[in-house]
PDB file of N, CA and C in Angstrom:
ATOM      1  N   UNK A   1     -88.161  50.859  91.366  1.00  0.00           N
ATOM      2  CA  UNK A   1     -87.727  51.380  90.263  1.00  0.00           C
ATOM      3  C   UNK A   1     -89.044  51.546  89.112  1.00  0.00           C
ATOM      4  N   UNK A   2     -89.992  50.460  89.263  1.00  0.00           N
ATOM      5  CA  UNK A   2     -91.047  50.872  88.242  1.00  0.00           C
ATOM      6  C   UNK A   2     -91.850  51.923  88.424  1.00  0.00           C
ATOM      7  N   UNK A   3     -91.998  52.542  89.675  1.00  0.00           N
ATOM      8  CA  UNK A   3     -92.711  53.756  89.804  1.00  0.00           C
ATOM      9  C   UNK A   3     -91.944  54.758  89.218  1.00  0.00           C
ATOM     10  N   UNK A   4     -90.747  54.943  89.049  1.00  0.00           N
ATOM     11  CA  UNK A   4     -90.418  55.765  88.534  1.00  0.00           C
ATOM     12  C   UNK A   4     -90.305  55.929  87.039  1.00  0.00           C
ATOM     13  N   UNK A   5     -90.536  54.707  86.397  1.00  0.00           N
ATOM     14  CA  UNK A   5     -90.391  54.651  85.107  1.00  0.00           C
ATOM     15  C   UNK A   5     -91.568  55.540  84.508  1.00  0.00           C
ATOM     16  N   UNK A   6     -92.874  55.596  85.445  1.00  0.00           N
ATOM     17  CA  UNK A   6     -94.178  56.009  85.028  1.00  0.00           C
ATOM     18  C   UNK A   6     -94.551  57.876  85.455  1.00  0.00           C
ATOM     19  N   UNK A   7     -93.171  58.373  85.348  1.00  0.00           N
ATOM     20  CA  UNK A   7     -93.040  59.577  85.962  1.00  0.00           C
ATOM     21  C   UNK A   7     -93.463  60.635  84.559  1.00  0.00           C
ATOM     22  N   UNK A   8     -94.449  61.491  84.854  1.00  0.00           N
ATOM     23  CA  UNK A   8     -94.743  62.117  83.609  1.00  0.00           C
ATOM     24  C   UNK A   8     -93.991  63.496  83.418  1.00  0.00           C
ATOM     25  N   UNK A   9     -94.140  64.080  82.263  1.00  0.00           N
ATOM     26  CA  UNK A   9     -93.323  65.428  82.161  1.00  0.00           C
ATOM     27  C   UNK A   9     -93.845  66.451  83.218  1.00  0.00           C
ATOM     28  N   UNK A  10     -95.260  66.124  83.527  1.00  0.00           N
ATOM     29  CA  UNK A  10     -95.665  67.056  84.598  1.00  0.00           C
ATOM     30  C   UNK A  10     -94.855  67.100  85.960  1.00  0.00           C
ATOM     31  N   UNK A  11     -94.269  65.909  86.327  1.00  0.00           N
ATOM     32  CA  UNK A  11     -93.804  65.833  87.469  1.00  0.00           C
ATOM     33  C   UNK A  11     -92.495  66.504  87.289  1.00  0.00           C
ATOM     34  N   UNK A  12     -91.570  66.471  86.166  1.00  0.00           N
ATOM     35  CA  UNK A  12     -90.706  67.145  86.005  1.00  0.00           C
ATOM     36  C   UNK A  12     -90.964  68.618  85.978  1.00  0.00           C
ATOM     37  N   UNK A  13     -91.660  69.441  85.567  1.00  0.00           N
ATOM     38  CA  UNK A  13     -92.083  70.506  85.104  1.00  0.00           C
ATOM     39  C   UNK A  13     -92.200  70.945  86.632  1.00  0.00           C
ATOM     40  N   UNK A  14     -93.110  70.379  87.434  1.00  0.00           N
ATOM     41  CA  UNK A  14     -93.166  70.967  88.788  1.00  0.00           C
ATOM     42  C   UNK A  14     -92.168  70.922  89.700  1.00  0.00           C
ATOM     43  N   UNK A  15     -91.513  69.953  89.405  1.00  0.00           N
ATOM     44  CA  UNK A  15     -90.196  69.794  90.268  1.00  0.00           C
ATOM     45  C   UNK A  15     -88.997  71.153  89.935  1.00  0.00           C
ATOM     46  N   UNK A  16     -89.037  71.377  88.791  1.00  0.00           N
ATOM     47  CA  UNK A  16     -88.328  72.213  88.002  1.00  0.00           C
ATOM     48  C   UNK A  16     -88.704  73.416  88.511  1.00  0.00           C
ATOM     49  N   UNK A  17     -90.493  73.829  88.574  1.00  0.00           N
ATOM     50  CA  UNK A  17     -90.909  75.187  89.065  1.00  0.00           C
ATOM     51  C   UNK A  17     -90.220  75.193  90.837  1.00  0.00           C
ATOM     52  N   UNK A  18     -90.408  74.259  91.570  1.00  0.00           N
ATOM     53  CA  UNK A  18     -90.420  74.139  92.937  1.00  0.00           C
ATOM     54  C   UNK A  18     -88.987  74.798  93.087  1.00  0.00           C
ATOM     55  N   UNK A  19     -87.990  74.102  92.180  1.00  0.00           N
ATOM     56  CA  UNK A  19     -86.583  74.499  92.465  1.00  0.00           C
ATOM     57  C   UNK A  19     -86.605  76.274  91.967  1.00  0.00           C
ATOM     58  N   UNK A  20     -86.861  76.617  90.874  1.00  0.00           N
ATOM     59  CA  UNK A  20     -86.902  77.888  90.370  1.00  0.00           C
ATOM     60  C   UNK A  20     -87.814  78.835  91.638  1.00  0.00           C
ATOM     61  N   UNK A  21     -88.853  78.557  92.461  1.00  0.00           N
ATOM     62  CA  UNK A  21     -88.959  79.255  93.406  1.00  0.00           C
ATOM     63  C   UNK A  21     -88.163  79.300  94.681  1.00  0.00           C
ATOM     64  N   UNK A  22     -87.773  78.328  94.657  1.00  0.00           N
ATOM     65  CA  UNK A  22     -86.445  78.099  95.858  1.00  0.00           C
ATOM     66  C   UNK A  22     -85.492  79.040  95.478  1.00  0.00           C
ATOM     67  N   UNK A  23     -85.049  78.968  94.160  1.00  0.00           N
ATOM     68  CA  UNK A  23     -83.776  79.804  93.936  1.00  0.00           C
ATOM     69  C   UNK A  23     -84.379  81.507  94.039  1.00  0.00           C
ATOM     70  N   UNK A  24     -85.454  81.505  93.370  1.00  0.00           N
ATOM     71  CA  UNK A  24     -85.955  82.961  93.333  1.00  0.00           C
ATOM     72  C   UNK A  24     -85.924  83.519  94.747  1.00  0.00           C
ATOM     73  N   UNK A  25     -86.381  82.836  95.817  1.00  0.00           N
ATOM     74  CA  UNK A  25     -86.684  83.278  97.333  1.00  0.00           C
ATOM     75  C   UNK A  25     -85.445  83.778  98.095  1.00  0.00           C
ATOM     76  N   UNK A  26     -84.108  82.510  97.783  1.00  0.00           N
ATOM     77  CA  UNK A  26     -82.966  83.197  98.028  1.00  0.00           C
ATOM     78  C   UNK A  26     -82.413  84.184  97.420  1.00  0.00           C
ATOM     79  N   UNK A  27     -82.593  84.539  95.885  1.00  0.00           N
ATOM     80  CA  UNK A  27     -82.003  85.570  95.401  1.00  0.00           C
ATOM     81  C   UNK A  27     -82.724  86.941  95.756  1.00  0.00           C
ATOM     82  N   UNK A  28     -84.170  86.802  95.876  1.00  0.00           N
ATOM     83  CA  UNK A  28     -84.683  88.087  96.679  1.00  0.00           C
ATOM     84  C   UNK A  28     -84.664  88.149  98.343  1.00  0.00           C
ATOM     85  N   UNK A  29     -84.121  87.271  98.811  1.00  0.00           N
ATOM     86  CA  UNK A  29     -83.781  87.596 100.033  1.00  0.00           C
ATOM     87  C   UNK A  29     -85.280  87.323 100.861  1.00  0.00           C
ATOM     88  N   UNK A  30     -86.014  86.529 100.247  1.00  0.00           N
ATOM     89  CA  UNK A  30     -87.721  86.293 101.038  1.00  0.00           C
ATOM     90  C   UNK A  30     -87.369  85.112 102.121  1.00  0.00           C
ATOM     91  N   UNK A  31     -88.775  85.419 102.484  1.00  0.00           N
ATOM     92  CA  UNK A  31     -88.545  84.188 103.747  1.00  0.00           C
ATOM     93  C   UNK A  31     -88.718  83.129 103.091  1.00  0.00           C
ATOM     94  N   UNK A  32     -88.464  81.666 103.561  1.00  0.00           N
ATOM     95  CA  UNK A  32     -88.834  80.418 103.079  1.00  0.00           C
ATOM     96  C   UNK A  32     -89.866  80.005 103.638  1.00  0.00           C
ATOM     97  N   UNK A  33     -90.274  80.588 104.790  1.00  0.00           N
ATOM     98  CA  UNK A  33     -91.093  79.760 105.452  1.00  0.00           C
ATOM     99  C   UNK A  33     -92.760  80.447 104.892  1.00  0.00           C
ATOM    100  N   UNK A  34     -92.824  81.370 104.056  1.00  0.00           N
ATOM    101  CA  UNK A  34     -94.382  81.691 103.843  1.00  0.00           C
ATOM    102  C   UNK A  34     -94.997  80.691 103.554  1.00  0.00           C
ATOM    103  N   UNK A  35     -94.652  79.843 102.647  1.00  0.00           N
ATOM    104  CA  UNK A  35     -95.873  78.599 101.849  1.00  0.00           C
ATOM    105  C   UNK A  35     -95.411  77.431 102.770  1.00  0.00           C
ATOM    106  N   UNK A  36     -94.037  77.327 103.157  1.00  0.00           N
ATOM    107  CA  UNK A  36     -93.850  75.828 103.661  1.00  0.00           C
ATOM    108  C   UNK A  36     -94.045  75.797 105.155  1.00  0.00           C
ATOM    109  N   UNK A  37     -93.955  76.886 105.838  1.00  0.00           N
ATOM    110  CA  UNK A  37     -94.194  77.043 107.278  1.00  0.00           C
ATOM    111  C   UNK A  37     -93.042  76.475 107.998  1.00  0.00           C
ATOM    112  N   UNK A  38     -92.033  76.442 107.553  1.00  0.00           N
ATOM    113  CA  UNK A  38     -90.718  76.345 108.034  1.00  0.00           C
ATOM    114  C   UNK A  38     -89.363  75.980 107.507  1.00  0.00           C
ATOM    115  N   UNK A  39     -88.110  75.843 108.004  1.00  0.00           N
ATOM    116  CA  UNK A  39     -86.820  75.471 107.185  1.00  0.00           C
ATOM    117  C   UNK A  39     -86.316  76.449 107.371  1.00  0.00           C
ATOM    118  N   UNK A  40     -84.895  76.539 107.840  1.00  0.00           N
ATOM    119  CA  UNK A  40     -83.942  77.337 107.498  1.00  0.00           C
ATOM    120  C   UNK A  40     -83.260  77.717 106.515  1.00  0.00           C
ATOM    121  N   UNK A  41     -82.754  78.507 105.686  1.00  0.00           N
ATOM    122  CA  UNK A  41     -81.894  78.953 104.637  1.00  0.00           C
ATOM    123  C   UNK A  41     -80.862  77.765 104.517  1.00  0.00           C
ATOM    124  N   UNK A  42     -80.213  77.401 105.653  1.00  0.00           N
ATOM    125  CA  UNK A  42     -79.110  76.546 105.755  1.00  0.00           C
ATOM    126  C   UNK A  42     -79.688  75.210 105.099  1.00  0.00           C
ATOM    127  N   UNK A  43     -80.875  74.571 105.546  1.00  0.00           N
ATOM    128  CA  UNK A  43     -81.606  73.256 105.304  1.00  0.00           C
ATOM    129  C   UNK A  43     -82.026  73.314 103.823  1.00  0.00           C
ATOM    130  N   UNK A  44     -82.731  74.643 103.775  1.00  0.00           N
ATOM    131  CA  UNK A  44     -83.170  74.568 102.166  1.00  0.00           C
ATOM    132  C   UNK A  44     -81.945  74.592 101.065  1.00  0.00           C
ATOM    133  N   UNK A  45     -80.815  75.265 101.631  1.00  0.00           N
ATOM    134  CA  UNK A  45     -79.682  75.253 100.600  1.00  0.00           C
ATOM    135  C   UNK A  45     -79.345  73.796 100.501  1.00  0.00           C
ATOM    136  N   UNK A  46     -79.221  72.970 101.193  1.00  0.00           N
ATOM    137  CA  UNK A  46     -78.635  71.548 101.353  1.00  0.00           C
ATOM    138  C   UNK A  46     -79.800  70.844 100.310  1.00  0.00           C
ATOM    139  N   UNK A  47     -80.855  71.093 100.364  1.00  0.00           N
ATOM    140  CA  UNK A  47     -81.961  70.566  99.434  1.00  0.00           C
ATOM    141  C   UNK A  47     -81.671  70.714  97.649  1.00  0.00           C
ATOM    142  N   UNK A  48     -81.076  71.810  97.623  1.00  0.00           N
ATOM    143  CA  UNK A  48     -80.942  72.326  95.968  1.00  0.00           C
ATOM    144  C   UNK A  48     -80.022  71.033  94.891  1.00  0.00           C
ATOM    145  N   UNK A  49     -79.000  70.704  95.754  1.00  0.00           N
ATOM    146  CA  UNK A  49     -78.339  69.878  94.804  1.00  0.00           C
ATOM    147  C   UNK A  49     -79.101  68.701  94.785  1.00  0.00           C
ATOM    148  N   UNK A  50     -80.008  67.909  95.491  1.00  0.00           N
ATOM    149  CA  UNK A  50     -80.800  66.685  95.331  1.00  0.00           C
ATOM    150  C   UNK A  50     -81.883  66.974  94.525  1.00  0.00           C
ATOM    151  N   UNK A  51     -82.183  68.382  94.609  1.00  0.00           N
ATOM    152  CA  UNK A  51     -83.417  68.543  93.430  1.00  0.00           C
ATOM    153  C   UNK A  51     -82.999  68.397  92.282  1.00  0.00           C
ATOM    154  N   UNK A  52     -82.137  69.098  91.939  1.00  0.00           N
ATOM    155  CA  UNK A  52     -81.221  69.098  90.575  1.00  0.00           C
ATOM    156  C   UNK A  52     -80.780  67.582  90.213  1.00  0.00           C
ATOM    157  N   UNK A  53     -80.445  66.757  91.145  1.00  0.00           N
ATOM    158  CA  UNK A  53     -79.929  65.252  90.663  1.00  0.00           C
ATOM    159  C   UNK A  53     -81.295  64.385  90.389  1.00  0.00           C
ATOM    160  N   UNK A  54     -82.442  64.788  91.129  1.00  0.00           N
ATOM    161  CA  UNK A  54     -83.565  64.182  91.017  1.00  0.00           C
ATOM    162  C   UNK A  54     -84.367  64.501  89.572  1.00  0.00           C
ATOM    163  N   UNK A  55     -84.458  65.757  89.208  1.00  0.00           N
ATOM    164  CA  UNK A  55     -84.665  66.474  88.032  1.00  0.00           C
ATOM    165  C   UNK A  55     -83.755  65.661  86.815  1.00  0.00           C
ATOM    166  N   UNK A  56     -82.681  65.778  87.144  1.00  0.00           N
ATOM    167  CA  UNK A  56     -81.977  65.157  85.876  1.00  0.00           C
ATOM    168  C   UNK A  56     -81.955  63.947  85.936  1.00  0.00           C
ATOM    169  N   UNK A  57     -82.231  62.948  86.523  1.00  0.00           N
ATOM    170  CA  UNK A  57     -82.369  61.884  86.440  1.00  0.00           C
ATOM    171  C   UNK A  57     -83.615  61.413  85.928  1.00  0.00           C
ATOM    172  N   UNK A  58     -84.667  61.782  86.323  1.00  0.00           N
ATOM    173  CA  UNK A  58     -86.113  61.731  85.778  1.00  0.00           C
ATOM    174  C   UNK A  58     -85.923  62.168  84.252  1.00  0.00           C
ATOM    175  N   UNK A  59     -85.361  63.236  83.846  1.00  0.00           N
ATOM    176  CA  UNK A  59     -85.357  63.719  82.276  1.00  0.00           C
ATOM    177  C   UNK A  59     -84.259  62.703  81.637  1.00  0.00           C
ATOM    178  N   UNK A  60     -83.451  61.930  82.201  1.00  0.00           N
ATOM    179  CA  UNK A  60     -82.749  60.847  81.478  1.00  0.00           C
ATOM    180  C   UNK A  60     -83.116  59.364  81.664  1.00  0.00           C
ATOM    181  N   UNK A  61     -84.298  59.542  82.132  1.00  0.00           N
ATOM    182  CA  UNK A  61     -84.444  57.699  82.744  1.00  0.00           C
ATOM    183  C   UNK A  61     -84.488  56.754  81.552  1.00  0.00           C
ATOM    184  N   UNK A  62     -85.021  57.818  80.387  1.00  0.00           N
ATOM    185  CA  UNK A  62     -85.431  56.509  79.112  1.00  0.00           C
ATOM    186  C   UNK A  62     -84.045  56.467  78.292  1.00  0.00           C
ATOM    187  N   UNK A  63     -83.698  55.580  77.543  1.00  0.00           N
ATOM    188  CA  UNK A  63     -82.510  55.490  76.811  1.00  0.00           C
ATOM    189  C   UNK A  63     -82.766  56.502  75.323  1.00  0.00           C
ATOM    190  N   UNK A  64     -83.794  56.763  75.005  1.00  0.00           N
ATOM    191  CA  UNK A  64     -83.749  57.654  74.076  1.00  0.00           C
ATOM    192  C   UNK A  64     -83.738  59.222  74.464  1.00  0.00           C
ATOM    193  N   UNK A  65     -83.988  59.382  75.600  1.00  0.00           N
ATOM    194  CA  UNK A  65     -83.707  60.832  76.275  1.00  0.00           C
ATOM    195  C   UNK A  65     -85.032  61.300  75.626  1.00  0.00           C
ATOM    196  N   UNK A  66     -86.349  60.864  75.508  1.00  0.00           N
ATOM    197  CA  UNK A  66     -87.394  61.533  75.030  1.00  0.00           C
ATOM    198  C   UNK A  66     -87.830  62.816  75.811  1.00  0.00           C
ATOM    199  N   UNK A  67     -87.733  62.642  77.127  1.00  0.00           N
ATOM    200  CA  UNK A  67     -88.016  63.417  78.093  1.00  0.00           C
ATOM    201  C   UNK A  67     -86.977  64.855  78.047  1.00  0.00           C
ATOM    202  N   UNK A  68     -85.911  64.721  77.782  1.00  0.00           N
ATOM    203  CA  UNK A  68     -84.861  65.818  77.943  1.00  0.00           C
ATOM    204  C   UNK A  68     -85.187  66.426  76.474  1.00  0.00           C
ATOM    205  N   UNK A  69     -85.458  65.685  75.483  1.00  0.00           N
ATOM    206  CA  UNK A  69     -85.564  66.269  74.397  1.00  0.00           C
ATOM    207  C   UNK A  69     -86.922  67.085  74.129  1.00  0.00           C
ATOM    208  N   UNK A  70     -87.924  66.672  75.025  1.00  0.00           N
ATOM    209  CA  UNK A  70     -89.030  67.581  74.913  1.00  0.00           C
ATOM    210  C   UNK A  70     -88.654  68.907  75.798  1.00  0.00           C
ATOM    211  N   UNK A  71     -88.030  68.942  76.964  1.00  0.00           N
ATOM    212  CA  UNK A  71     -87.816  70.138  77.665  1.00  0.00           C
ATOM    213  C   UNK A  71     -86.484  70.816  76.634  1.00  0.00           C
ATOM    214  N   UNK A  72     -85.542  70.558  76.100  1.00  0.00           N
ATOM    215  CA  UNK A  72     -84.786  71.406  75.095  1.00  0.00           C
ATOM    216  C   UNK A  72     -85.944  71.926  73.983  1.00  0.00           C
ATOM    217  N   UNK A  73     -86.776  71.423  73.606  1.00  0.00           N
ATOM    218  CA  UNK A  73     -87.830  71.997  72.672  1.00  0.00           C
ATOM    219  C   UNK A  73     -88.526  73.200  73.460  1.00  0.00           C
ATOM    220  N   UNK A  74     -89.142  73.383  74.713  1.00  0.00           N
ATOM    221  CA  UNK A  74     -89.832  74.027  75.509  1.00  0.00           C
ATOM    222  C   UNK A  74     -88.538  75.191  75.773  1.00  0.00           C
ATOM    223  N   UNK A  75     -87.363  75.060  76.026  1.00  0.00           N
ATOM    224  CA  UNK A  75     -86.498  75.998  76.169  1.00  0.00           C
ATOM    225  C   UNK A  75     -86.267  76.736  74.804  1.00  0.00           C
ATOM    226  N   UNK A  76     -86.050  75.986  73.569  1.00  0.00           N
ATOM    227  CA  UNK A  76     -85.813  76.441  72.268  1.00  0.00           C
ATOM    228  C   UNK A  76     -86.955  77.400  71.800  1.00  0.00           C
ATOM    229  N   UNK A  77     -87.741  76.950  72.084  1.00  0.00           N
ATOM    230  CA  UNK A  77     -89.189  78.000  71.592  1.00  0.00           C
ATOM    231  C   UNK A  77     -89.352  78.965  72.574  1.00  0.00           C
ATOM    232  N   UNK A  78     -88.704  79.023  74.009  1.00  0.00           N
ATOM    233  CA  UNK A  78     -88.818  80.320  74.862  1.00  0.00           C
ATOM    234  C   UNK A  78     -87.655  81.275  74.240  1.00  0.00           C
ATOM    235  N   UNK A  79     -86.734  80.697  74.008  1.00  0.00           N
ATOM    236  CA  UNK A  79     -85.531  81.272  73.350  1.00  0.00           C
ATOM    237  C   UNK A  79     -85.738  82.268  72.033  1.00  0.00           C
ATOM    238  N   UNK A  80     -86.452  81.204  71.291  1.00  0.00           N
ATOM    239  CA  UNK A  80     -86.776  82.130  69.998  1.00  0.00           C
ATOM    240  C   UNK A  80     -87.864  82.983  70.055  1.00  0.00           C
ATOM    241  N   UNK A  81     -88.622  83.070  70.943  1.00  0.00           N
ATOM    242  CA  UNK A  81     -89.553  83.899  71.157  1.00  0.00           C
ATOM    243  C   UNK A  81     -89.358  85.198  72.302  1.00  0.00           C
ATOM    244  N   UNK A  82     -88.284  85.179  72.625  1.00  0.00           N
ATOM    245  CA  UNK A  82     -87.949  85.822  73.640  1.00  0.00           C
ATOM    246  C   UNK A  82     -87.767  87.429  73.026  1.00  0.00           C
ATOM    247  N   UNK A  83     -87.264  87.641  71.851  1.00  0.00           N
ATOM    248  CA  UNK A  83     -87.064  88.837  71.441  1.00  0.00           C
ATOM    249  C   UNK A  83     -88.921  89.786  71.228  1.00  0.00           C
ATOM    250  N   UNK A  84     -89.839  88.752  71.081  1.00  0.00           N
ATOM    251  CA  UNK A  84     -90.961  89.226  70.938  1.00  0.00           C
ATOM    252  C   UNK A  84     -91.462  89.426  72.441  1.00  0.00           C
ATOM    253  N   UNK A  85     -91.159  89.017  73.628  1.00  0.00           N
ATOM    254  CA  UNK A  85     -91.552  88.935  75.043  1.00  0.00           C
ATOM    255  C   UNK A  85     -90.989  90.046  75.526  1.00  0.00           C
ATOM    256  N   UNK A  86     -91.615  90.844  76.137  1.00  0.00           N
ATOM    257  CA  UNK A  86     -91.023  92.050  77.271  1.00  0.00           C
ATOM    258  C   UNK A  86     -89.612  91.498  77.639  1.00  0.00           C
ATOM    259  N   UNK A  87     -88.835  92.473  77.463  1.00  0.00           N
ATOM    260  CA  UNK A  87     -87.372  92.265  78.120  1.00  0.00           C
ATOM    261  C   UNK A  87     -87.294  92.100  79.673  1.00  0.00           C
ATOM    262  N   UNK A  88     -88.324  92.418  80.379  1.00  0.00           N
ATOM    263  CA  UNK A  88     -88.474  92.083  81.727  1.00  0.00           C
ATOM    264  C   UNK A  88     -88.594  90.507  81.841  1.00  0.00           C
ATOM    265  N   UNK A  89     -87.660  90.243  82.757  1.00  0.00           N
ATOM    266  CA  UNK A  89     -87.855  88.892  83.038  1.00  0.00           C
ATOM    267  C   UNK A  89     -88.582  88.327  84.252  1.00  0.00           C
ATOM    268  N   UNK A  90     -89.665  87.739  83.889  1.00  0.00           N
ATOM    269  CA  UNK A  90     -90.978  87.388  84.924  1.00  0.00           C
ATOM    270  C   UNK A  90     -90.710  85.681  85.349  1.00  0.00           C
ATOM    271  N   UNK A  91     -91.586  85.160  85.669  1.00  0.00           N
ATOM    272  CA  UNK A  91     -91.532  83.937  86.273  1.00  0.00           C
ATOM    273  C   UNK A  91     -91.167  83.070  85.198  1.00  0.00           C
ATOM    274  N   UNK A  92     -91.507  83.223  84.090  1.00  0.00           N
ATOM    275  CA  UNK A  92     -91.387  82.197  82.950  1.00  0.00           C
ATOM    276  C   UNK A  92     -89.674  82.378  82.906  1.00  0.00           C
ATOM    277  N   UNK A  93     -89.227  83.198  82.861  1.00  0.00           N
ATOM    278  CA  UNK A  93     -87.860  83.652  82.677  1.00  0.00           C
ATOM    279  C   UNK A  93     -86.806  82.999  83.651  1.00  0.00           C
ATOM    280  N   UNK A  94     -87.188  82.885  84.942  1.00  0.00           N
ATOM    281  CA  UNK A  94     -86.403  82.194  85.929  1.00  0.00           C
ATOM    282  C   UNK A  94     -86.640  80.747  85.872  1.00  0.00           C
ATOM    283  N   UNK A  95     -87.845  80.352  85.354  1.00  0.00           N
ATOM    284  CA  UNK A  95     -88.290  79.126  84.749  1.00  0.00           C
ATOM    285  C   UNK A  95     -87.157  78.609  83.846  1.00  0.00           C
ATOM    286  N   UNK A  96     -86.759  79.018  82.825  1.00  0.00           N
ATOM    287  CA  UNK A  96     -86.250  78.824  81.870  1.00  0.00           C
ATOM    288  C   UNK A  96     -84.709  79.195  81.846  1.00  0.00           C
ATOM    289  N   UNK A  97     -84.338  79.904  83.000  1.00  0.00           N
ATOM    290  CA  UNK A  97     -82.875  79.794  83.509  1.00  0.00           C
ATOM    291  C   UNK A  97     -82.548  78.602  84.266  1.00  0.00           C
ATOM    292  N   UNK A  98     -83.264  78.264  85.114  1.00  0.00           N
ATOM    293  CA  UNK A  98     -83.257  77.020  85.829  1.00  0.00           C
ATOM    294  C   UNK A  98     -83.343  75.725  84.858  1.00  0.00           C
ATOM    295  N   UNK A  99     -84.157  75.771  84.136  1.00  0.00           N
ATOM    296  CA  UNK A  99     -84.500  74.818  82.676  1.00  0.00           C
ATOM    297  C   UNK A  99     -82.987  74.596  82.244  1.00  0.00           C
ATOM    298  N   UNK A 100     -82.321  75.841  81.800  1.00  0.00           N
ATOM    299  CA  UNK A 100     -81.226  75.565  80.857  1.00  0.00           C
ATOM    300  C   UNK A 100     -80.095  74.959  81.717  1.00  0.00           C
ATOM    301  N   UNK A 101     -79.836  75.354  83.112  1.00  0.00           N
ATOM    302  CA  UNK A 101     -79.062  74.545  83.801  1.00  0.00           C
ATOM    303  C   UNK A 101     -79.226  73.200  83.997  1.00  0.00           C
ATOM    304  N   UNK A 102     -80.366  72.784  84.012  1.00  0.00           N
ATOM    305  CA  UNK A 102     -80.696  71.434  84.040  1.00  0.00           C
ATOM    306  C   UNK A 102     -80.416  70.710  82.729  1.00  0.00           C
ATOM    307  N   UNK A 103     -80.442  71.297  81.642  1.00  0.00           N
ATOM    308  CA  UNK A 103     -80.274  70.907  80.422  1.00  0.00           C
ATOM    309  C   UNK A 103     -78.567  70.639  79.854  1.00  0.00           C
ATOM    310  N   UNK A 104     -77.855  71.449  80.571  1.00  0.00           N
ATOM    311  CA  UNK A 104     -76.521  71.480  80.314  1.00  0.00           C
ATOM    312  C   UNK A 104     -75.977  70.267  80.429  1.00  0.00           C
ATOM    313  N   UNK A 105     -74.910  69.879  79.390  1.00  0.00           N
ATOM    314  CA  UNK A 105     -74.375  69.004  79.530  1.00  0.00           C
ATOM    315  C   UNK A 105     -73.018  69.038  80.609  1.00  0.00           C
ATOM    316  N   UNK A 106     -72.640  68.037  81.027  1.00  0.00           N
ATOM    317  CA  UNK A 106     -71.468  68.031  82.029  1.00  0.00           C
ATOM    318  C   UNK A 106     -70.050  68.911  81.373  1.00  0.00           C
ATOM    319  N   UNK A 107     -69.819  68.672  80.209  1.00  0.00           N
ATOM    320  CA  UNK A 107     -68.668  69.460  79.760  1.00  0.00           C
ATOM    321  C   UNK A 107     -69.019  70.957  79.810  1.00  0.00           C
ATOM    322  N   UNK A 108     -69.952  71.410  79.558  1.00  0.00           N
ATOM    323  CA  UNK A 108     -70.575  72.800  79.593  1.00  0.00           C
ATOM    324  C   UNK A 108     -70.268  73.093  80.957  1.00  0.00           C
ATOM    325  N   UNK A 109     -71.137  72.371  81.987  1.00  0.00           N
ATOM    326  CA  UNK A 109     -70.772  72.916  83.602  1.00  0.00           C
ATOM    327  C   UNK A 109     -69.918  72.970  83.924  1.00  0.00           C
ATOM    328  N   UNK A 110     -69.154  71.936  83.600  1.00  0.00           N
ATOM    329  CA  UNK A 110     -67.605  72.289  84.257  1.00  0.00           C
ATOM    330  C   UNK A 110     -66.868  73.565  83.500  1.00  0.00           C
ATOM    331  N   UNK A 111     -66.872  73.675  82.164  1.00  0.00           N
ATOM    332  CA  UNK A 111     -66.182  74.954  81.605  1.00  0.00           C
ATOM    333  C   UNK A 111     -66.572  76.296  82.227  1.00  0.00           C
ATOM    334  N   UNK A 112     -68.157  76.197  82.827  1.00  0.00           N
ATOM    335  CA  UNK A 112     -68.498  77.237  83.191  1.00  0.00           C
ATOM    336  C   UNK A 112     -68.166  77.626  84.770  1.00  0.00           C
ATOM    337  N   UNK A 113     -68.159  76.346  85.707  1.00  0.00           N
ATOM    338  CA  UNK A 113     -67.788  76.473  86.690  1.00  0.00           C
ATOM    339  C   UNK A 113     -66.021  76.816  86.939  1.00  0.00           C
ATOM    340  N   UNK A 114     -65.121  76.312  85.774  1.00  0.00           N
ATOM    341  CA  UNK A 114     -63.872  76.807  85.981  1.00  0.00           C
ATOM    342  C   UNK A 114     -63.479  78.126  85.230  1.00  0.00           C
ATOM    343  N   UNK A 115     -64.628  78.840  84.364  1.00  0.00           N
ATOM    344  CA  UNK A 115     -64.422  79.973  84.174  1.00  0.00           C
ATOM    345  C   UNK A 115     -64.165  80.968  85.328  1.00  0.00           C
TER     346      UNK A 115
END
């Protein structure tokens, strides 16, 4: 557990990018083995819930939720500047969509799933 206490925001950001790239490849029906050299779609799909759980755990590891607050500010800044950015969704748009899912609280997630 002491090793987890020393996780930086960069670790969370990289894990979120990994999840973003995985979801983007699924959405575009691209090969998953280009970068990794293997792994079926089924096995990669099974990895997604664990990646989400790990990232959320790392965001909430401190009582003061300082890491979560940092990423909420990043998302808020992106959304504030969205009108000045080209309307086309690029890789930063995908990243921020995944980040918004990770930052949702349980009540919002359940409401969206039941809709």
